[in-house]
Amino acid sequence: MDRVEETWNGSLLWVVLSVGIVIRGSTPGASSLVGIPFCSAGFWVVYAAIPCVQIAFSAYFGYVEIHRDDIDDTVALQRSSSKALLDYAEVDWNWANVFKYMIFAFTCGLLAGCLGIGGGLVLSPLLLELGFYPAVASGISGMAVLVTSTSALFAYGLAERVYWQFVILLMPLTFISTMVGKILIDRYAERNNKQSAIIWSVAIFLVICLIMLTSQGLVKLAQGSSFKFTSPCDE
């Protein structure tokens, strides 16, 4: 599978995921665009089908990597000519590793959904711990965020839960600041041969999120907020 085919397959996964969410719907007490009532039998069938499709795509991608005949010469050349890459190794793709990474990805998504944070924030440090090159780990987590965030935007947009005036205000600023930060830290890491700068930036951001999430939880607890579980079908 060449890079163009990989891109098309990734795009197909994004389209299937987004269409599945639109068909399923996400507004309590209402029906989706195709008429599936929220929390009906059809809703739960589509809900269960979406992760099954994702698992099938992951298994297929793993199969392709296991049976890949040609190694990317560009990556091989970069690794052989850069001392910064000596501590990082390519993944030895086999079915055990494929299932292991699928479980890791599922766990990261589950934690991200429960905590209300981006999946890339959880996935990026995990990939670093598994030995991925920092820039590669950043790219993988960024792609994961793109797929999940855009599909979530479709779901919340159709449920009329998006304040578009804030989107118009925040999106350009977020995009520009992300690009500037990415360019600066990548250039610093390459110029000084210090990929640890990427690792430190991820670690600092994780600590900030930990402090903010903990503080918010303590404030809500002090205010007497209820933390009991409720039915997902409650309006």
C-alpha atoms as a PDB file:
ATOM      1  CA  MET A   1       0.000   0.000   0.000  1.00  0.00           C
ATOM      2  CA  ASP A   2       1.579   3.304  -1.075  1.00  0.00           C
ATOM      3  CA  ARG A   3       1.070   6.637   0.653  1.00  0.00           C
ATOM      4  CA  VAL A   4      -1.686   7.728  -1.731  1.00  0.00           C
ATOM      5  CA  GLU A   5      -3.670   4.563  -1.088  1.00  0.00           C
ATOM      6  CA  GLU A   6      -3.144   4.927   2.654  1.00  0.00           C
ATOM      7  CA  THR A   7      -4.484   8.472   2.470  1.00  0.00           C
ATOM      8  CA  TRP A   8      -7.554   7.349   0.550  1.00  0.00           C
ATOM      9  CA  ASN A   9      -8.221   4.534   3.010  1.00  0.00           C
ATOM     10  CA  GLY A  10      -7.888   6.926   5.940  1.00  0.00           C
ATOM     11  CA  SER A  11     -10.269   9.347   4.237  1.00  0.00           C
ATOM     12  CA  LEU A  12     -12.736   6.521   3.622  1.00  0.00           C
ATOM     13  CA  LEU A  13     -12.654   5.641   7.324  1.00  0.00           C
ATOM     14  CA  TRP A  14     -13.359   9.273   8.206  1.00  0.00           C
ATOM     15  CA  VAL A  15     -16.304   9.400   5.772  1.00  0.00           C
ATOM     16  CA  VAL A  16     -17.779   6.125   7.053  1.00  0.00           C
ATOM     17  CA  LEU A  17     -17.442   7.257  10.664  1.00  0.00           C
ATOM     18  CA  SER A  18     -19.009  10.652   9.978  1.00  0.00           C
ATOM     19  CA  VAL A  19     -21.887   9.193   7.948  1.00  0.00           C
ATOM     20  CA  GLY A  20     -22.537   6.623  10.676  1.00  0.00           C
ATOM     21  CA  ILE A  21     -22.810   9.350  13.308  1.00  0.00           C
ATOM     22  CA  VAL A  22     -25.189  11.379  11.128  1.00  0.00           C
ATOM     23  CA  ILE A  23     -27.364   8.303  10.504  1.00  0.00           C
ATOM     24  CA  ARG A  24     -27.393   7.407  14.194  1.00  0.00           C
ATOM     25  CA  GLY A  25     -28.247  10.867  15.509  1.00  0.00           C
ATOM     26  CA  SER A  26     -27.340  12.244  18.941  1.00  0.00           C
ATOM     27  CA  THR A  27     -30.206  14.422  20.139  1.00  0.00           C
ATOM     28  CA  PRO A  28     -32.272  13.040  23.068  1.00  0.00           C
ATOM     29  CA  GLY A  29     -35.970  12.949  22.284  1.00  0.00           C
ATOM     30  CA  ALA A  30     -35.471  13.495  18.545  1.00  0.00           C
ATOM     31  CA  SER A  31     -34.827  11.421  15.431  1.00  0.00           C
ATOM     32  CA  SER A  32     -31.767  11.457  13.188  1.00  0.00           C
ATOM     33  CA  LEU A  33     -31.796  12.768   9.623  1.00  0.00           C
ATOM     34  CA  VAL A  34     -32.886   9.353   8.370  1.00  0.00           C
ATOM     35  CA  GLY A  35     -35.618   9.017  10.950  1.00  0.00           C
ATOM     36  CA  ILE A  36     -33.958   6.814  13.596  1.00  0.00           C
ATOM     37  CA  PRO A  37     -35.344   7.782  17.041  1.00  0.00           C
ATOM     38  CA  PHE A  38     -32.827   8.445  19.785  1.00  0.00           C
ATOM     39  CA  CYS A  39     -32.194   5.376  21.979  1.00  0.00           C
ATOM     40  CA  SER A  40     -34.344   3.144  19.743  1.00  0.00           C
ATOM     41  CA  ALA A  41     -33.271  -0.330  18.612  1.00  0.00           C
ATOM     42  CA  GLY A  42     -32.008   1.125  15.325  1.00  0.00           C
ATOM     43  CA  PHE A  43     -30.005   3.734  17.215  1.00  0.00           C
ATOM     44  CA  TRP A  44     -28.168   1.084  19.233  1.00  0.00           C
ATOM     45  CA  VAL A  45     -27.587  -1.078  16.141  1.00  0.00           C
ATOM     46  CA  VAL A  46     -25.852   1.814  14.368  1.00  0.00           C
ATOM     47  CA  TYR A  47     -24.081   2.742  17.613  1.00  0.00           C
ATOM     48  CA  ALA A  48     -22.607  -0.779  17.853  1.00  0.00           C
ATOM     49  CA  ALA A  49     -21.843  -0.953  14.128  1.00  0.00           C
ATOM     50  CA  ILE A  50     -19.569   2.100  14.154  1.00  0.00           C
ATOM     51  CA  PRO A  51     -16.828   0.602  16.398  1.00  0.00           C
ATOM     52  CA  CYS A  52     -17.155  -2.700  14.507  1.00  0.00           C
ATOM     53  CA  VAL A  53     -16.376  -0.880  11.256  1.00  0.00           C
ATOM     54  CA  GLN A  54     -13.434   0.871  12.911  1.00  0.00           C
ATOM     55  CA  ILE A  55     -12.084  -2.448  14.182  1.00  0.00           C
ATOM     56  CA  ALA A  56     -12.377  -3.881  10.658  1.00  0.00           C
ATOM     57  CA  PHE A  57     -10.445  -0.948   9.206  1.00  0.00           C
ATOM     58  CA  SER A  58      -7.762  -1.282  11.897  1.00  0.00           C
ATOM     59  CA  ALA A  59      -7.412  -4.996  11.251  1.00  0.00           C
ATOM     60  CA  TYR A  60      -7.095  -4.341   7.514  1.00  0.00           C
ATOM     61  CA  PHE A  61      -4.436  -1.671   8.024  1.00  0.00           C
ATOM     62  CA  GLY A  62      -2.584  -4.062  10.329  1.00  0.00           C
ATOM     63  CA  TYR A  63      -2.778  -6.821   7.731  1.00  0.00           C
ATOM     64  CA  VAL A  64      -1.304  -4.504   5.114  1.00  0.00           C
ATOM     65  CA  GLU A  65       1.578  -3.487   7.393  1.00  0.00           C
ATOM     66  CA  ILE A  66       2.351  -7.099   8.260  1.00  0.00           C
ATOM     67  CA  HIS A  67       2.535  -8.058   4.598  1.00  0.00           C
ATOM     68  CA  ARG A  68       4.271  -4.954   3.367  1.00  0.00           C
ATOM     69  CA  ASP A  69       7.033  -6.055   1.017  1.00  0.00           C
ATOM     70  CA  ASP A  70       8.905  -2.790   0.511  1.00  0.00           C
ATOM     71  CA  ILE A  71      10.288  -0.575   3.255  1.00  0.00           C
ATOM     72  CA  ASP A  72      10.009   3.167   2.834  1.00  0.00           C
ATOM     73  CA  ASP A  73      13.486   4.098   1.601  1.00  0.00           C
ATOM     74  CA  THR A  74      13.068   7.692   2.738  1.00  0.00           C
ATOM     75  CA  VAL A  75      12.447   6.720   6.348  1.00  0.00           C
ATOM     76  CA  ALA A  76      15.276   4.192   6.261  1.00  0.00           C
ATOM     77  CA  LEU A  77      17.666   6.844   4.929  1.00  0.00           C
ATOM     78  CA  GLN A  78      16.601   9.333   7.575  1.00  0.00           C
ATOM     79  CA  ARG A  79      17.140   6.798  10.340  1.00  0.00           C
ATOM     80  CA  SER A  80      20.554   5.755   9.064  1.00  0.00           C
ATOM     81  CA  SER A  81      21.778   9.346   8.693  1.00  0.00           C
ATOM     82  CA  SER A  82      20.439  10.921  11.878  1.00  0.00           C
ATOM     83  CA  LYS A  83      21.812  10.240  15.350  1.00  0.00           C
ATOM     84  CA  ALA A  84      18.556  11.578  16.811  1.00  0.00           C
ATOM     85  CA  LEU A  85      16.734   8.492  15.565  1.00  0.00           C
ATOM     86  CA  LEU A  86      19.060   5.860  16.993  1.00  0.00           C
ATOM     87  CA  ASP A  87      16.978   5.512  20.160  1.00  0.00           C
ATOM     88  CA  TYR A  88      13.783   4.875  18.191  1.00  0.00           C
ATOM     89  CA  ALA A  89      12.905   1.718  16.313  1.00  0.00           C
ATOM     90  CA  GLU A  90      10.313   0.810  13.717  1.00  0.00           C
ATOM     91  CA  VAL A  91       7.403  -1.250  14.995  1.00  0.00           C
ATOM     92  CA  ASP A  92       7.773  -4.962  14.264  1.00  0.00           C
ATOM     93  CA  TRP A  93       4.312  -5.462  12.842  1.00  0.00           C
ATOM     94  CA  ASN A  94       2.701  -8.774  13.686  1.00  0.00           C
ATOM     95  CA  TRP A  95      -0.793  -9.687  14.795  1.00  0.00           C
ATOM     96  CA  ALA A  96       0.143  -9.460  18.475  1.00  0.00           C
ATOM     97  CA  ASN A  97       1.316  -5.862  18.022  1.00  0.00           C
ATOM     98  CA  VAL A  98      -1.662  -5.005  15.834  1.00  0.00           C
ATOM     99  CA  PHE A  99      -4.132  -6.108  18.516  1.00  0.00           C
ATOM    100  CA  LYS A 100      -2.038  -4.444  21.221  1.00  0.00           C
ATOM    101  CA  TYR A 101      -2.168  -1.066  19.486  1.00  0.00           C
ATOM    102  CA  MET A 102      -5.883  -1.485  18.781  1.00  0.00           C
ATOM    103  CA  ILE A 103      -6.474  -2.033  22.508  1.00  0.00           C
ATOM    104  CA  PHE A 104      -4.319   0.993  23.350  1.00  0.00           C
ATOM    105  CA  ALA A 105      -6.238   3.164  20.882  1.00  0.00           C
ATOM    106  CA  PHE A 106      -9.587   1.967  22.248  1.00  0.00           C
ATOM    107  CA  THR A 107      -8.484   2.709  25.816  1.00  0.00           C
ATOM    108  CA  CYS A 108      -7.257   6.192  24.863  1.00  0.00           C
ATOM    109  CA  GLY A 109     -10.563   6.956  23.155  1.00  0.00           C
ATOM    110  CA  LEU A 110     -12.512   5.689  26.147  1.00  0.00           C
ATOM    111  CA  LEU A 111     -10.518   7.819  28.583  1.00  0.00           C
ATOM    112  CA  ALA A 112     -10.761  10.863  26.335  1.00  0.00           C
ATOM    113  CA  GLY A 113     -14.540  10.477  26.115  1.00  0.00           C
ATOM    114  CA  CYS A 114     -14.937  10.034  29.866  1.00  0.00           C
ATOM    115  CA  LEU A 115     -12.690  12.980  30.746  1.00  0.00           C
ATOM    116  CA  GLY A 116     -13.896  15.283  27.993  1.00  0.00           C
ATOM    117  CA  ILE A 117     -10.423  15.911  26.544  1.00  0.00           C
ATOM    118  CA  GLY A 118      -8.933  15.326  23.117  1.00  0.00           C
ATOM    119  CA  GLY A 119      -7.893  11.771  22.315  1.00  0.00           C
ATOM    120  CA  GLY A 120      -4.549  12.993  21.009  1.00  0.00           C
ATOM    121  CA  LEU A 121      -3.691  14.342  24.450  1.00  0.00           C
ATOM    122  CA  VAL A 122      -3.847  10.796  25.821  1.00  0.00           C
ATOM    123  CA  LEU A 123      -2.495   9.032  22.731  1.00  0.00           C
ATOM    124  CA  SER A 124       0.601  11.166  22.216  1.00  0.00           C
ATOM    125  CA  PRO A 125       2.378  10.386  25.528  1.00  0.00           C
ATOM    126  CA  LEU A 126       1.421   6.723  25.158  1.00  0.00           C
ATOM    127  CA  LEU A 127       3.082   6.546  21.737  1.00  0.00           C
ATOM    128  CA  LEU A 128       6.178   8.229  23.166  1.00  0.00           C
ATOM    129  CA  GLU A 129       6.301   5.630  25.929  1.00  0.00           C
ATOM    130  CA  LEU A 130       6.042   2.877  23.308  1.00  0.00           C
ATOM    131  CA  GLY A 131       9.163   4.214  21.604  1.00  0.00           C
ATOM    132  CA  PHE A 132       7.764   6.185  18.684  1.00  0.00           C
ATOM    133  CA  TYR A 133       9.794   9.049  17.271  1.00  0.00           C
ATOM    134  CA  PRO A 134       8.335  12.252  18.856  1.00  0.00           C
ATOM    135  CA  ALA A 135       7.456  13.907  15.537  1.00  0.00           C
ATOM    136  CA  VAL A 136       5.767  10.689  14.369  1.00  0.00           C
ATOM    137  CA  ALA A 137       3.835  10.381  17.642  1.00  0.00           C
ATOM    138  CA  SER A 138       2.697  13.989  17.251  1.00  0.00           C
ATOM    139  CA  GLY A 139       1.559  13.345  13.675  1.00  0.00           C
ATOM    140  CA  ILE A 140      -0.371  10.193  14.598  1.00  0.00           C
ATOM    141  CA  SER A 141      -2.158  11.843  17.527  1.00  0.00           C
ATOM    142  CA  GLY A 142      -2.950  14.877  15.387  1.00  0.00           C
ATOM    143  CA  MET A 143      -4.580  12.692  12.750  1.00  0.00           C
ATOM    144  CA  ALA A 144      -6.592  10.907  15.429  1.00  0.00           C
ATOM    145  CA  VAL A 145      -7.827  14.246  16.750  1.00  0.00           C
ATOM    146  CA  LEU A 146      -8.811  15.331  13.234  1.00  0.00           C
ATOM    147  CA  VAL A 147     -11.019  12.282  12.664  1.00  0.00           C
ATOM    148  CA  THR A 148     -12.693  12.288  16.073  1.00  0.00           C
ATOM    149  CA  SER A 149     -13.147  16.072  16.351  1.00  0.00           C
ATOM    150  CA  THR A 150     -14.711  16.512  12.907  1.00  0.00           C
ATOM    151  CA  SER A 151     -17.104  13.604  13.424  1.00  0.00           C
ATOM    152  CA  ALA A 152     -18.040  15.032  16.828  1.00  0.00           C
ATOM    153  CA  LEU A 153     -18.629  18.411  15.176  1.00  0.00           C
ATOM    154  CA  PHE A 154     -21.133  16.803  12.804  1.00  0.00           C
ATOM    155  CA  ALA A 155     -22.963  15.169  15.702  1.00  0.00           C
ATOM    156  CA  TYR A 156     -23.138  18.288  17.882  1.00  0.00           C
ATOM    157  CA  GLY A 157     -23.850  20.532  14.913  1.00  0.00           C
ATOM    158  CA  LEU A 158     -26.867  18.474  13.884  1.00  0.00           C
ATOM    159  CA  ALA A 159     -28.023  18.517  17.508  1.00  0.00           C
ATOM    160  CA  GLU A 160     -27.766  22.349  17.436  1.00  0.00           C
ATOM    161  CA  ARG A 161     -25.315  22.350  20.322  1.00  0.00           C
ATOM    162  CA  VAL A 162     -22.602  24.376  18.613  1.00  0.00           C
ATOM    163  CA  TYR A 163     -22.311  28.132  19.155  1.00  0.00           C
ATOM    164  CA  TRP A 164     -21.091  29.008  15.677  1.00  0.00           C
ATOM    165  CA  GLN A 165     -20.204  32.583  16.635  1.00  0.00           C
ATOM    166  CA  PHE A 166     -17.559  31.179  18.991  1.00  0.00           C
ATOM    167  CA  VAL A 167     -16.372  28.811  16.265  1.00  0.00           C
ATOM    168  CA  ILE A 168     -15.872  31.722  13.872  1.00  0.00           C
ATOM    169  CA  LEU A 169     -13.954  33.616  16.543  1.00  0.00           C
ATOM    170  CA  LEU A 170     -11.821  30.796  17.945  1.00  0.00           C
ATOM    171  CA  MET A 171     -11.069  28.636  14.885  1.00  0.00           C
ATOM    172  CA  PRO A 172      -8.742  31.092  13.055  1.00  0.00           C
ATOM    173  CA  LEU A 173      -6.880  31.927  16.260  1.00  0.00           C
ATOM    174  CA  THR A 174      -6.519  28.269  17.213  1.00  0.00           C
ATOM    175  CA  PHE A 175      -5.338  27.321  13.727  1.00  0.00           C
ATOM    176  CA  ILE A 176      -2.748  30.111  13.547  1.00  0.00           C
ATOM    177  CA  SER A 177      -1.403  29.493  17.055  1.00  0.00           C
ATOM    178  CA  THR A 178      -1.175  25.750  16.398  1.00  0.00           C
ATOM    179  CA  MET A 179       0.745  26.293  13.167  1.00  0.00           C
ATOM    180  CA  VAL A 180       3.135  28.782  14.765  1.00  0.00           C
ATOM    181  CA  GLY A 181       3.772  26.555  17.782  1.00  0.00           C
ATOM    182  CA  LYS A 182       4.274  23.486  15.594  1.00  0.00           C
ATOM    183  CA  ILE A 183       6.734  25.239  13.290  1.00  0.00           C
ATOM    184  CA  LEU A 184       8.732  26.771  16.143  1.00  0.00           C
ATOM    185  CA  ILE A 185       9.093  23.611  18.205  1.00  0.00           C
ATOM    186  CA  ASP A 186       9.901  21.445  15.157  1.00  0.00           C
ATOM    187  CA  ARG A 187      12.582  23.846  13.972  1.00  0.00           C
ATOM    188  CA  TYR A 188      14.073  24.061  17.447  1.00  0.00           C
ATOM    189  CA  ALA A 189      14.150  20.268  17.759  1.00  0.00           C
ATOM    190  CA  GLU A 190      15.766  19.804  14.331  1.00  0.00           C
ATOM    191  CA  ARG A 191      18.250  22.668  14.682  1.00  0.00           C
ATOM    192  CA  ASN A 192      19.454  21.601  18.134  1.00  0.00           C
ATOM    193  CA  ASN A 193      18.964  17.875  17.601  1.00  0.00           C
ATOM    194  CA  LYS A 194      16.714  17.784  20.688  1.00  0.00           C
ATOM    195  CA  GLN A 195      13.533  15.851  20.102  1.00  0.00           C
ATOM    196  CA  SER A 196      13.030  16.028  23.862  1.00  0.00           C
ATOM    197  CA  ALA A 197      11.514  19.478  23.289  1.00  0.00           C
ATOM    198  CA  ILE A 198       8.420  17.786  21.862  1.00  0.00           C
ATOM    199  CA  ILE A 199       8.265  15.397  24.799  1.00  0.00           C
ATOM    200  CA  TRP A 200       8.581  18.252  27.294  1.00  0.00           C
ATOM    201  CA  SER A 201       5.828  20.246  25.577  1.00  0.00           C
ATOM    202  CA  VAL A 202       3.473  17.254  25.793  1.00  0.00           C
ATOM    203  CA  ALA A 203       4.395  16.682  29.452  1.00  0.00           C
ATOM    204  CA  ILE A 204       3.839  20.336  30.409  1.00  0.00           C
ATOM    205  CA  PHE A 205       0.470  20.371  28.668  1.00  0.00           C
ATOM    206  CA  LEU A 206      -0.564  17.179  30.460  1.00  0.00           C
ATOM    207  CA  VAL A 207       0.337  18.682  33.841  1.00  0.00           C
ATOM    208  CA  ILE A 208      -1.680  21.826  33.055  1.00  0.00           C
ATOM    209  CA  CYS A 209      -4.700  19.726  32.041  1.00  0.00           C
ATOM    210  CA  LEU A 210      -4.350  17.633  35.198  1.00  0.00           C
ATOM    211  CA  ILE A 211      -4.373  20.743  37.390  1.00  0.00           C
ATOM    212  CA  MET A 212      -7.342  22.268  35.557  1.00  0.00           C
ATOM    213  CA  LEU A 213      -9.434  19.073  35.551  1.00  0.00           C
ATOM    214  CA  THR A 214      -8.717  18.438  39.233  1.00  0.00           C
ATOM    215  CA  SER A 215      -9.524  22.033  40.186  1.00  0.00           C
ATOM    216  CA  GLN A 216     -12.763  21.977  38.231  1.00  0.00           C
ATOM    217  CA  GLY A 217     -13.803  18.700  39.852  1.00  0.00           C
ATOM    218  CA  LEU A 218     -13.081  19.997  43.341  1.00  0.00           C
ATOM    219  CA  VAL A 219     -15.052  23.199  42.693  1.00  0.00           C
ATOM    220  CA  LYS A 220     -18.069  21.245  41.448  1.00  0.00           C
ATOM    221  CA  LEU A 221     -17.794  18.879  44.402  1.00  0.00           C
ATOM    222  CA  ALA A 222     -17.756  21.836  46.814  1.00  0.00           C
ATOM    223  CA  GLN A 223     -20.826  23.265  45.087  1.00  0.00           C
ATOM    224  CA  GLY A 224     -22.728  20.042  45.735  1.00  0.00           C
ATOM    225  CA  SER A 225     -22.877  18.832  42.152  1.00  0.00           C
ATOM    226  CA  SER A 226     -24.142  15.299  41.646  1.00  0.00           C
ATOM    227  CA  PHE A 227     -21.661  12.771  40.253  1.00  0.00           C
ATOM    228  CA  LYS A 228     -24.051   9.836  40.109  1.00  0.00           C
ATOM    229  CA  PHE A 229     -24.510   7.884  36.892  1.00  0.00           C
ATOM    230  CA  THR A 230     -27.637   8.546  34.845  1.00  0.00           C
ATOM    231  CA  SER A 231     -29.178   6.803  31.862  1.00  0.00           C
ATOM    232  CA  PRO A 232     -27.760   7.930  28.497  1.00  0.00           C
ATOM    233  CA  CYS A 233     -31.345   8.026  27.199  1.00  0.00           C
ATOM    234  CA  ASP A 234     -32.474  10.684  29.685  1.00  0.00           C
ATOM    235  CA  GLU A 235     -33.431  13.943  28.027  1.00  0.00           C
END
